[in-house]
PDB file of all heavy atoms in Angstrom:
ATOM      1  N   VAL A   1     -18.696  -6.430 -22.760  1.00  0.00           N
ATOM      2  CA  VAL A   1     -17.239  -6.577 -22.557  1.00  0.00           C
ATOM      3  C   VAL A   1     -16.762  -6.103 -21.203  1.00  0.00           C
ATOM      4  O   VAL A   1     -15.639  -6.176 -20.856  1.00  0.00           O
ATOM      5  CB  VAL A   1     -16.459  -5.914 -23.687  1.00  0.00           C
ATOM      6  CG1 VAL A   1     -16.887  -6.360 -25.060  1.00  0.00           C
ATOM      7  CG2 VAL A   1     -16.538  -4.431 -23.585  1.00  0.00           C
ATOM      8  N   LYS A   2     -17.641  -5.492 -20.414  1.00  0.00           N
ATOM      9  CA  LYS A   2     -17.267  -4.957 -19.151  1.00  0.00           C
ATOM     10  C   LYS A   2     -16.718  -5.999 -18.286  1.00  0.00           C
ATOM     11  O   LYS A   2     -17.182  -7.159 -18.343  1.00  0.00           O
ATOM     12  CB  LYS A   2     -18.578  -4.376 -18.405  1.00  0.00           C
ATOM     13  CG  LYS A   2     -18.881  -2.972 -18.841  1.00  0.00           C
ATOM     14  CD  LYS A   2     -20.096  -2.451 -18.085  1.00  0.00           C
ATOM     15  CE  LYS A   2     -20.450  -1.038 -18.509  1.00  0.00           C
ATOM     16  NZ  LYS A   2     -21.679  -0.589 -17.834  1.00  0.00           N
ATOM     17  N   GLU A   3     -15.756  -5.702 -17.507  1.00  0.00           N
ATOM     18  CA  GLU A   3     -15.011  -6.656 -16.591  1.00  0.00           C
ATOM     19  C   GLU A   3     -14.087  -7.540 -17.384  1.00  0.00           C
ATOM     20  O   GLU A   3     -13.316  -8.283 -16.682  1.00  0.00           O
ATOM     21  CB  GLU A   3     -16.032  -7.442 -15.761  1.00  0.00           C
ATOM     22  CG  GLU A   3     -17.075  -6.642 -15.047  1.00  0.00           C
ATOM     23  CD  GLU A   3     -16.521  -5.630 -14.053  1.00  0.00           C
ATOM     24  OE1 GLU A   3     -15.378  -5.884 -13.554  1.00  0.00           O
ATOM     25  OE2 GLU A   3     -17.160  -4.591 -13.853  1.00  0.00           O
ATOM     26  N   ARG A   4     -14.135  -7.561 -18.680  1.00  0.00           N
ATOM     27  CA  ARG A   4     -13.232  -8.412 -19.407  1.00  0.00           C
ATOM     28  C   ARG A   4     -12.279  -7.679 -20.242  1.00  0.00           C
ATOM     29  O   ARG A   4     -11.079  -8.082 -20.427  1.00  0.00           O
ATOM     30  CB  ARG A   4     -14.110  -9.330 -20.319  1.00  0.00           C
ATOM     31  CG  ARG A   4     -14.935 -10.298 -19.635  1.00  0.00           C
ATOM     32  CD  ARG A   4     -15.594 -11.321 -20.616  1.00  0.00           C
ATOM     33  NE  ARG A   4     -16.396 -10.698 -21.677  1.00  0.00           N
ATOM     34  CZ  ARG A   4     -16.082 -10.869 -23.004  1.00  0.00           C
ATOM     35  NH1 ARG A   4     -15.146 -11.710 -23.400  1.00  0.00           N
ATOM     36  NH2 ARG A   4     -16.903 -10.304 -23.966  1.00  0.00           N
ATOM     37  N   PHE A   5     -12.665  -6.479 -20.828  1.00  0.00           N
ATOM     38  CA  PHE A   5     -11.818  -5.736 -21.651  1.00  0.00           C
ATOM     39  C   PHE A   5     -11.457  -4.416 -20.870  1.00  0.00           C
ATOM     40  O   PHE A   5     -12.220  -3.878 -20.096  1.00  0.00           O
ATOM     41  CB  PHE A   5     -12.561  -5.275 -22.915  1.00  0.00           C
ATOM     42  CG  PHE A   5     -12.844  -6.404 -23.897  1.00  0.00           C
ATOM     43  CD1 PHE A   5     -12.619  -7.706 -23.582  1.00  0.00           C
ATOM     44  CD2 PHE A   5     -13.315  -6.100 -25.181  1.00  0.00           C
ATOM     45  CE1 PHE A   5     -12.903  -8.772 -24.459  1.00  0.00           C
ATOM     46  CE2 PHE A   5     -13.545  -7.133 -26.080  1.00  0.00           C
ATOM     47  CZ  PHE A   5     -13.340  -8.504 -25.690  1.00  0.00           C
ATOM     48  N   THR A   6     -10.231  -3.903 -21.223  1.00  0.00           N
ATOM     49  CA  THR A   6      -9.798  -2.697 -20.610  1.00  0.00           C
ATOM     50  C   THR A   6      -9.177  -1.817 -21.711  1.00  0.00           C
ATOM     51  O   THR A   6      -8.290  -2.266 -22.409  1.00  0.00           O
ATOM     52  CB  THR A   6      -8.716  -2.893 -19.588  1.00  0.00           C
ATOM     53  OG1 THR A   6      -9.259  -3.774 -18.481  1.00  0.00           O
ATOM     54  CG2 THR A   6      -8.262  -1.634 -18.882  1.00  0.00           C
ATOM     55  N   ILE A   7      -9.715  -0.550 -21.782  1.00  0.00           N
ATOM     56  CA  ILE A   7      -9.144   0.327 -22.754  1.00  0.00           C
ATOM     57  C   ILE A   7      -8.159   1.297 -22.043  1.00  0.00           C
ATOM     58  O   ILE A   7      -8.405   1.644 -20.924  1.00  0.00           O
ATOM     59  CB  ILE A   7     -10.268   1.151 -23.487  1.00  0.00           C
ATOM     60  CG1 ILE A   7      -9.754   1.999 -24.628  1.00  0.00           C
ATOM     61  CG2 ILE A   7     -11.044   2.030 -22.481  1.00  0.00           C
ATOM     62  CD1 ILE A   7     -10.849   2.653 -25.487  1.00  0.00           C
ATOM     63  N   SER A   8      -7.085   1.655 -22.748  1.00  0.00           N
ATOM     64  CA  SER A   8      -6.075   2.519 -22.119  1.00  0.00           C
ATOM     65  C   SER A   8      -5.350   3.285 -23.249  1.00  0.00           C
ATOM     66  O   SER A   8      -5.567   3.021 -24.435  1.00  0.00           O
ATOM     67  CB  SER A   8      -5.052   1.740 -21.251  1.00  0.00           C
ATOM     68  OG  SER A   8      -4.330   0.858 -22.071  1.00  0.00           O
ATOM     69  N   ARG A   9      -4.434   4.166 -22.834  1.00  0.00           N
ATOM     70  CA  ARG A   9      -3.747   4.984 -23.872  1.00  0.00           C
ATOM     71  C   ARG A   9      -2.391   5.286 -23.292  1.00  0.00           C
ATOM     72  O   ARG A   9      -2.134   5.309 -22.126  1.00  0.00           O
ATOM     73  CB  ARG A   9      -4.488   6.286 -24.067  1.00  0.00           C
ATOM     74  CG  ARG A   9      -4.577   7.178 -22.894  1.00  0.00           C
ATOM     75  CD  ARG A   9      -5.330   8.452 -23.212  1.00  0.00           C
ATOM     76  NE  ARG A   9      -5.184   9.412 -22.147  1.00  0.00           N
ATOM     77  CZ  ARG A   9      -5.518  10.747 -22.240  1.00  0.00           C
ATOM     78  NH1 ARG A   9      -5.944  11.175 -23.405  1.00  0.00           N
ATOM     79  NH2 ARG A   9      -5.407  11.509 -21.187  1.00  0.00           N
ATOM     80  N   ASP A  10      -1.514   5.578 -24.253  1.00  0.00           N
ATOM     81  CA  ASP A  10      -0.181   6.121 -23.950  1.00  0.00           C
ATOM     82  C   ASP A  10       0.029   7.464 -24.720  1.00  0.00           C
ATOM     83  O   ASP A  10       0.061   7.440 -25.940  1.00  0.00           O
ATOM     84  CB  ASP A  10       0.862   5.139 -24.429  1.00  0.00           C
ATOM     85  CG  ASP A  10       2.303   5.498 -24.033  1.00  0.00           C
ATOM     86  OD1 ASP A  10       2.608   6.705 -24.098  1.00  0.00           O
ATOM     87  OD2 ASP A  10       3.097   4.601 -23.795  1.00  0.00           O
ATOM     88  N   ASN A  11      -0.001   8.565 -23.945  1.00  0.00           N
ATOM     89  CA  ASN A  11      -0.013   9.850 -24.562  1.00  0.00           C
ATOM     90  C   ASN A  11       1.271  10.068 -25.328  1.00  0.00           C
ATOM     91  O   ASN A  11       1.265  10.695 -26.445  1.00  0.00           O
ATOM     92  CB  ASN A  11      -0.179  10.911 -23.511  1.00  0.00           C
ATOM     93  CG  ASN A  11      -1.637  11.091 -23.029  1.00  0.00           C
ATOM     94  OD1 ASN A  11      -2.475  10.462 -23.621  1.00  0.00           O
ATOM     95  ND2 ASN A  11      -1.803  11.775 -21.948  1.00  0.00           N
ATOM     96  N   ALA A  12       2.382   9.678 -24.800  1.00  0.00           N
ATOM     97  CA  ALA A  12       3.691   9.889 -25.464  1.00  0.00           C
ATOM     98  C   ALA A  12       3.714   9.182 -26.726  1.00  0.00           C
ATOM     99  O   ALA A  12       4.354   9.685 -27.728  1.00  0.00           O
ATOM    100  CB  ALA A  12       4.784   9.413 -24.537  1.00  0.00           C
ATOM    101  N   LYS A  13       3.167   7.971 -26.863  1.00  0.00           N
ATOM    102  CA  LYS A  13       3.207   7.222 -28.088  1.00  0.00           C
ATOM    103  C   LYS A  13       1.980   7.469 -28.990  1.00  0.00           C
ATOM    104  O   LYS A  13       1.913   6.956 -30.093  1.00  0.00           O
ATOM    105  CB  LYS A  13       3.263   5.701 -27.765  1.00  0.00           C
ATOM    106  CG  LYS A  13       4.618   5.297 -27.077  1.00  0.00           C
ATOM    107  CD  LYS A  13       4.664   3.793 -26.819  1.00  0.00           C
ATOM    108  CE  LYS A  13       5.847   3.370 -26.145  1.00  0.00           C
ATOM    109  NZ  LYS A  13       5.863   1.911 -25.846  1.00  0.00           N
ATOM    110  N   ILE A  14       1.060   8.249 -28.481  1.00  0.00           N
ATOM    111  CA  ILE A  14      -0.150   8.525 -29.195  1.00  0.00           C
ATOM    112  C   ILE A  14      -0.799   7.186 -29.671  1.00  0.00           C
ATOM    113  O   ILE A  14      -1.204   7.035 -30.849  1.00  0.00           O
ATOM    114  CB  ILE A  14      -0.012   9.497 -30.359  1.00  0.00           C
ATOM    115  CG1 ILE A  14       0.946  10.653 -30.057  1.00  0.00           C
ATOM    116  CG2 ILE A  14      -1.366  10.151 -30.752  1.00  0.00           C
ATOM    117  CD1 ILE A  14       1.159  11.557 -31.174  1.00  0.00           C
ATOM    118  N   THR A  15      -0.934   6.339 -28.722  1.00  0.00           N
ATOM    119  CA  THR A  15      -1.435   4.917 -29.023  1.00  0.00           C
ATOM    120  C   THR A  15      -2.514   4.563 -28.030  1.00  0.00           C
ATOM    121  O   THR A  15      -2.400   4.880 -26.778  1.00  0.00           O
ATOM    122  CB  THR A  15      -0.220   3.910 -28.930  1.00  0.00           C
ATOM    123  OG1 THR A  15       0.722   4.277 -29.941  1.00  0.00           O
ATOM    124  CG2 THR A  15      -0.728   2.534 -29.200  1.00  0.00           C
ATOM    125  N   MET A  16      -3.504   3.965 -28.538  1.00  0.00           N
ATOM    126  CA  MET A  16      -4.542   3.425 -27.720  1.00  0.00           C
ATOM    127  C   MET A  16      -4.574   1.850 -27.654  1.00  0.00           C
ATOM    128  O   MET A  16      -4.104   1.302 -28.671  1.00  0.00           O
ATOM    129  CB  MET A  16      -5.968   3.819 -28.223  1.00  0.00           C
ATOM    130  CG  MET A  16      -7.151   3.331 -27.576  1.00  0.00           C
ATOM    131  SD  MET A  16      -8.759   3.947 -28.297  1.00  0.00           S
ATOM    132  CE  MET A  16      -8.701   3.179 -29.889  1.00  0.00           C
ATOM    133  N   TYR A  17      -4.933   1.305 -26.553  1.00  0.00           N
ATOM    134  CA  TYR A  17      -4.817  -0.184 -26.419  1.00  0.00           C
ATOM    135  C   TYR A  17      -6.206  -0.693 -26.013  1.00  0.00           C
ATOM    136  O   TYR A  17      -6.994  -0.010 -25.383  1.00  0.00           O
ATOM    137  CB  TYR A  17      -3.848  -0.560 -25.338  1.00  0.00           C
ATOM    138  CG  TYR A  17      -2.461   0.038 -25.647  1.00  0.00           C
ATOM    139  CD1 TYR A  17      -1.999   1.236 -25.005  1.00  0.00           C
ATOM    140  CD2 TYR A  17      -1.593  -0.652 -26.514  1.00  0.00           C
ATOM    141  CE1 TYR A  17      -0.685   1.692 -25.276  1.00  0.00           C
ATOM    142  CE2 TYR A  17      -0.308  -0.182 -26.714  1.00  0.00           C
ATOM    143  CZ  TYR A  17       0.143   0.981 -26.095  1.00  0.00           C
ATOM    144  OH  TYR A  17       1.379   1.466 -26.407  1.00  0.00           O
ATOM    145  N   LEU A  18      -6.348  -2.026 -26.252  1.00  0.00           N
ATOM    146  CA  LEU A  18      -7.538  -2.767 -25.790  1.00  0.00           C
ATOM    147  C   LEU A  18      -6.990  -4.073 -25.277  1.00  0.00           C
ATOM    148  O   LEU A  18      -6.644  -4.922 -26.060  1.00  0.00           O
ATOM    149  CB  LEU A  18      -8.606  -2.905 -26.836  1.00  0.00           C
ATOM    150  CG  LEU A  18      -9.876  -3.601 -26.380  1.00  0.00           C
ATOM    151  CD1 LEU A  18     -10.660  -2.560 -25.480  1.00  0.00           C
ATOM    152  CD2 LEU A  18     -10.805  -3.956 -27.579  1.00  0.00           C
ATOM    153  N   GLN A  19      -7.007  -4.184 -23.982  1.00  0.00           N
ATOM    154  CA  GLN A  19      -6.643  -5.458 -23.444  1.00  0.00           C
ATOM    155  C   GLN A  19      -7.888  -6.368 -23.279  1.00  0.00           C
ATOM    156  O   GLN A  19      -8.842  -5.907 -22.613  1.00  0.00           O
ATOM    157  CB  GLN A  19      -5.979  -5.260 -22.011  1.00  0.00           C
ATOM    158  CG  GLN A  19      -5.664  -6.572 -21.244  1.00  0.00           C
ATOM    159  CD  GLN A  19      -4.530  -7.354 -22.002  1.00  0.00           C
ATOM    160  OE1 GLN A  19      -3.582  -6.790 -22.426  1.00  0.00           O
ATOM    161  NE2 GLN A  19      -4.680  -8.721 -22.086  1.00  0.00           N
ATOM    162  N   MET A  20      -7.813  -7.491 -23.935  1.00  0.00           N
ATOM    163  CA  MET A  20      -9.052  -8.356 -23.939  1.00  0.00           C
ATOM    164  C   MET A  20      -8.715  -9.709 -23.253  1.00  0.00           C
ATOM    165  O   MET A  20      -7.839 -10.422 -23.668  1.00  0.00           O
ATOM    166  CB  MET A  20      -9.401  -8.632 -25.372  1.00  0.00           C
ATOM    167  CG  MET A  20      -9.647  -7.411 -26.207  1.00  0.00           C
ATOM    168  SD  MET A  20     -10.295  -7.691 -27.844  1.00  0.00           S
ATOM    169  CE  MET A  20      -8.920  -8.550 -28.605  1.00  0.00           C
ATOM    170  N   ASN A  21      -9.446  -9.883 -22.096  1.00  0.00           N
ATOM    171  CA  ASN A  21      -9.275 -11.073 -21.255  1.00  0.00           C
ATOM    172  C   ASN A  21     -10.541 -11.911 -21.318  1.00  0.00           C
ATOM    173  O   ASN A  21     -11.607 -11.434 -21.707  1.00  0.00           O
ATOM    174  CB  ASN A  21      -8.908 -10.690 -19.857  1.00  0.00           C
ATOM    175  CG  ASN A  21      -7.614  -9.971 -19.774  1.00  0.00           C
ATOM    176  OD1 ASN A  21      -6.640 -10.148 -20.557  1.00  0.00           O
ATOM    177  ND2 ASN A  21      -7.497  -9.126 -18.743  1.00  0.00           N
ATOM    178  N   SER A  22     -10.387 -13.186 -20.972  1.00  0.00           N
ATOM    179  CA  SER A  22     -11.596 -14.086 -20.894  1.00  0.00           C
ATOM    180  C   SER A  22     -12.354 -14.056 -22.204  1.00  0.00           C
ATOM    181  O   SER A  22     -13.572 -13.885 -22.191  1.00  0.00           O
ATOM    182  CB  SER A  22     -12.474 -13.695 -19.729  1.00  0.00           C
ATOM    183  OG  SER A  22     -11.753 -13.805 -18.539  1.00  0.00           O
ATOM    184  N   LEU A  23     -11.628 -14.128 -23.313  1.00  0.00           N
ATOM    185  CA  LEU A  23     -12.279 -14.032 -24.663  1.00  0.00           C
ATOM    186  C   LEU A  23     -13.226 -15.216 -24.845  1.00  0.00           C
ATOM    187  O   LEU A  23     -12.941 -16.333 -24.407  1.00  0.00           O
ATOM    188  CB  LEU A  23     -11.243 -13.960 -25.709  1.00  0.00           C
ATOM    189  CG  LEU A  23     -10.576 -12.619 -25.891  1.00  0.00           C
ATOM    190  CD1 LEU A  23      -9.225 -12.688 -26.644  1.00  0.00           C
ATOM    191  CD2 LEU A  23     -11.529 -11.641 -26.586  1.00  0.00           C
ATOM    192  N   LYS A  24     -14.290 -14.928 -25.592  1.00  0.00           N
ATOM    193  CA  LYS A  24     -15.327 -15.909 -25.885  1.00  0.00           C
ATOM    194  C   LYS A  24     -15.445 -16.007 -27.428  1.00  0.00           C
ATOM    195  O   LYS A  24     -15.110 -15.053 -28.183  1.00  0.00           O
ATOM    196  CB  LYS A  24     -16.652 -15.462 -25.291  1.00  0.00           C
ATOM    197  CG  LYS A  24     -16.678 -15.155 -23.847  1.00  0.00           C
ATOM    198  CD  LYS A  24     -17.970 -14.601 -23.372  1.00  0.00           C
ATOM    199  CE  LYS A  24     -17.971 -14.238 -21.896  1.00  0.00           C
ATOM    200  NZ  LYS A  24     -19.336 -13.661 -21.528  1.00  0.00           N
ATOM    201  N   PRO A  25     -15.974 -17.109 -27.952  1.00  0.00           N
ATOM    202  CA  PRO A  25     -16.175 -17.211 -29.366  1.00  0.00           C
ATOM    203  C   PRO A  25     -17.025 -16.110 -29.980  1.00  0.00           C
ATOM    204  O   PRO A  25     -16.758 -15.625 -31.087  1.00  0.00           O
ATOM    205  CB  PRO A  25     -16.847 -18.596 -29.508  1.00  0.00           C
ATOM    206  CG  PRO A  25     -16.371 -19.364 -28.335  1.00  0.00           C
ATOM    207  CD  PRO A  25     -16.241 -18.326 -27.256  1.00  0.00           C
ATOM    208  N   GLU A  26     -17.961 -15.561 -29.192  1.00  0.00           N
ATOM    209  CA  GLU A  26     -18.785 -14.425 -29.671  1.00  0.00           C
ATOM    210  C   GLU A  26     -18.038 -13.159 -29.802  1.00  0.00           C
ATOM    211  O   GLU A  26     -18.583 -12.171 -30.316  1.00  0.00           O
ATOM    212  CB  GLU A  26     -20.018 -14.293 -28.850  1.00  0.00           C
ATOM    213  CG  GLU A  26     -19.794 -14.221 -27.336  1.00  0.00           C
ATOM    214  CD  GLU A  26     -19.971 -15.519 -26.608  1.00  0.00           C
ATOM    215  OE1 GLU A  26     -19.498 -16.506 -27.134  1.00  0.00           O
ATOM    216  OE2 GLU A  26     -20.573 -15.472 -25.507  1.00  0.00           O
ATOM    217  N   ASP A  27     -16.821 -13.044 -29.283  1.00  0.00           N
ATOM    218  CA  ASP A  27     -15.990 -11.895 -29.434  1.00  0.00           C
ATOM    219  C   ASP A  27     -15.307 -11.910 -30.857  1.00  0.00           C
ATOM    220  O   ASP A  27     -14.651 -10.908 -31.211  1.00  0.00           O
ATOM    221  CB  ASP A  27     -14.891 -11.810 -28.395  1.00  0.00           C
ATOM    222  CG  ASP A  27     -15.430 -11.609 -27.007  1.00  0.00           C
ATOM    223  OD1 ASP A  27     -16.408 -10.738 -26.880  1.00  0.00           O
ATOM    224  OD2 ASP A  27     -15.008 -12.216 -26.087  1.00  0.00           O
ATOM    225  N   THR A  28     -15.422 -13.006 -31.621  1.00  0.00           N
ATOM    226  CA  THR A  28     -14.825 -13.073 -32.920  1.00  0.00           C
ATOM    227  C   THR A  28     -15.359 -11.978 -33.879  1.00  0.00           C
ATOM    228  O   THR A  28     -16.613 -11.876 -34.019  1.00  0.00           O
ATOM    229  CB  THR A  28     -15.062 -14.376 -33.551  1.00  0.00           C
ATOM    230  OG1 THR A  28     -14.362 -15.431 -32.683  1.00  0.00           O
ATOM    231  CG2 THR A  28     -14.558 -14.547 -34.967  1.00  0.00           C
ATOM    232  N   ALA A  29     -14.527 -11.189 -34.419  1.00  0.00           N
ATOM    233  CA  ALA A  29     -14.883 -10.110 -35.296  1.00  0.00           C
ATOM    234  C   ALA A  29     -13.673  -9.350 -35.805  1.00  0.00           C
ATOM    235  O   ALA A  29     -12.523  -9.661 -35.346  1.00  0.00           O
ATOM    236  CB  ALA A  29     -15.739  -9.050 -34.570  1.00  0.00           C
ATOM    237  N   VAL A  30     -13.834  -8.518 -36.760  1.00  0.00           N
ATOM    238  CA  VAL A  30     -12.817  -7.537 -37.145  1.00  0.00           C
ATOM    239  C   VAL A  30     -12.953  -6.353 -36.205  1.00  0.00           C
ATOM    240  O   VAL A  30     -14.075  -5.808 -36.056  1.00  0.00           O
ATOM    241  CB  VAL A  30     -12.913  -7.110 -38.543  1.00  0.00           C
ATOM    242  CG1 VAL A  30     -11.878  -6.010 -38.951  1.00  0.00           C
ATOM    243  CG2 VAL A  30     -12.790  -8.302 -39.484  1.00  0.00           C
ATOM    244  N   TYR A  31     -11.871  -6.006 -35.543  1.00  0.00           N
ATOM    245  CA  TYR A  31     -11.830  -4.840 -34.620  1.00  0.00           C
ATOM    246  C   TYR A  31     -11.269  -3.635 -35.298  1.00  0.00           C
ATOM    247  O   TYR A  31     -10.155  -3.743 -35.868  1.00  0.00           O
ATOM    248  CB  TYR A  31     -11.055  -5.222 -33.407  1.00  0.00           C
ATOM    249  CG  TYR A  31     -11.887  -6.115 -32.463  1.00  0.00           C
ATOM    250  CD1 TYR A  31     -12.129  -7.474 -32.867  1.00  0.00           C
ATOM    251  CD2 TYR A  31     -12.349  -5.725 -31.238  1.00  0.00           C
ATOM    252  CE1 TYR A  31     -12.885  -8.306 -31.982  1.00  0.00           C
ATOM    253  CE2 TYR A  31     -13.075  -6.500 -30.411  1.00  0.00           C
ATOM    254  CZ  TYR A  31     -13.303  -7.821 -30.746  1.00  0.00           C
ATOM    255  OH  TYR A  31     -14.099  -8.667 -29.969  1.00  0.00           O
ATOM    256  N   TYR A  32     -11.943  -2.483 -35.113  1.00  0.00           N
ATOM    257  CA  TYR A  32     -11.514  -1.263 -35.739  1.00  0.00           C
ATOM    258  C   TYR A  32     -11.335  -0.204 -34.586  1.00  0.00           C
ATOM    259  O   TYR A  32     -12.108  -0.083 -33.679  1.00  0.00           O
ATOM    260  CB  TYR A  32     -12.605  -0.682 -36.618  1.00  0.00           C
ATOM    261  CG  TYR A  32     -12.936  -1.591 -37.835  1.00  0.00           C
ATOM    262  CD1 TYR A  32     -13.944  -2.569 -37.750  1.00  0.00           C
ATOM    263  CD2 TYR A  32     -12.268  -1.436 -39.057  1.00  0.00           C
ATOM    264  CE1 TYR A  32     -14.184  -3.345 -38.854  1.00  0.00           C
ATOM    265  CE2 TYR A  32     -12.545  -2.235 -40.144  1.00  0.00           C
ATOM    266  CZ  TYR A  32     -13.515  -3.206 -40.067  1.00  0.00           C
ATOM    267  OH  TYR A  32     -13.812  -3.980 -41.092  1.00  0.00           O
ATOM    268  N   CYS A  33     -10.299   0.594 -34.736  1.00  0.00           N
ATOM    269  CA  CYS A  33     -10.166   1.728 -33.891  1.00  0.00           C
ATOM    270  C   CYS A  33     -10.637   3.004 -34.696  1.00  0.00           C
ATOM    271  O   CYS A  33     -10.573   3.004 -35.948  1.00  0.00           O
ATOM    272  CB  CYS A  33      -8.769   1.945 -33.393  1.00  0.00           C
ATOM    273  SG  CYS A  33      -7.524   2.416 -34.542  1.00  0.00           S
ATOM    274  N   ALA A  34     -11.053   3.981 -33.933  1.00  0.00           N
ATOM    275  CA  ALA A  34     -11.635   5.218 -34.554  1.00  0.00           C
ATOM    276  C   ALA A  34     -11.277   6.431 -33.735  1.00  0.00           C
ATOM    277  O   ALA A  34     -11.085   6.252 -32.507  1.00  0.00           O
ATOM    278  CB  ALA A  34     -13.138   5.015 -34.654  1.00  0.00           C
TER     279      ALA A  34
END
């Protein structure tokens, strides 16, 4: 996922994000945060 996905966070909202670009069929899945 390098160069296609970007992980980031917002400390104030205590929220993590995953921006996913150039998605491919093989990216199909259930995504979990931990």
